[in-house]
């Protein structure tokens, strides 16, 4: 009996791990739709088919999994979010469940979308003799990967990851703003993986001026496996190592978002860099918000590298206006990479779907600038080389 229980737990663990991997593959690709994962098993819980939400207008996770399911044997369906019950760009996944009649429908979360809540089909599923089970482990996966979707529904805003790397003294930059690398090669690799899974990256005026950042993502060679802490957040756990996501990347939009000002107007190096990225990607997915009125020459310089109008904003409405714009573009999750102006504005108005990612490094800065992020209790999620990745909610 003991060996049979152990065998079932191993099978169950494999299902959970694969749901995480499928969710990660969908993250970013499916926006603004939720990155849902679906697995079809036989009644012994062995995986027969799987799928995740595709790009907008294409298959949802359930339909993708059933498209690979070649027989009609008794089966169970695991899915991280309640199947949709309404027509959108694709037919309802609920109809697919009722048509194929699995023995069990094992769910992570109900869909908070008001359209689905008004027309939930779970009673129809029960009436068709299909057992519905809510699984706590799948709920944890769902909660972690679907934060952007939940934030869009509740707040009409993306979920934000407010990211900073600090020296051993707690500084993210030197006071003279000299260029200084804090993170290791391995941390840079996993940071690129993280970038590959979001829809937008945002930086402020001083960062744009001093660093001339690219904000695109680049394939790098990993140097070392991250040491994952137990009970880690499923989204970050998947980012940090068990699955080589960069091998499975597909081309998609990532909005490079810059807040600028007259005092810190971008330098020529910045414009050359963004022009080159636009040419390589054949897009102009740069977005600009200005805290000041720009002159004609400055506006023309910016308009050459973006297809969007420059939006003039006030400091006290910075987060709201950026959220409004990114929401309209279908952004579900975004990274805020600094500097302190953005750190203050975004952490002051954090929601339950936002998180602070703090990467503590052993590099020393004797006279520096601390990031304007609250001193929340941080959970260590991984050690990468000598860098410690911590998240706070």
Foldseek 3Di string as FASTA:
>chain_A
DVVLVVVLVVLVVVVLLVQLVQLQLQFQQAFPDAFKKKFKAAPSSHTDFIATQGYPLDDHGLVRRVVSRDDLHAIEMEMAEQWACPDDSHHTVVVVCLVSPHQEYEYQYYDPAPVCVVPPCVVVNVVSNHHYHYDPSSVLSSLLSRLLNVCCRPPVFAAEAAEAEAAQVQFRAFPVRPDDDFDDLQVLQLVLLVLLRFQEEEEELVCCQSPLDLSHHDHDDHDDQWAFDPPFRSNSVVSRHPDPCVVVGDDDHHAYEYEHEPVRQHDPSSLVSLVVVCVVNVALRYAYEYQDDDDPVSLVSSVVRHPDHHHYDHLQCVRVVVRNVCSVVRTRYYYYHDDQSVQVNDQVDHDPSYKYKYKYGNHDHPHHHHHPHDPADWDFGTQDPNITITMDD
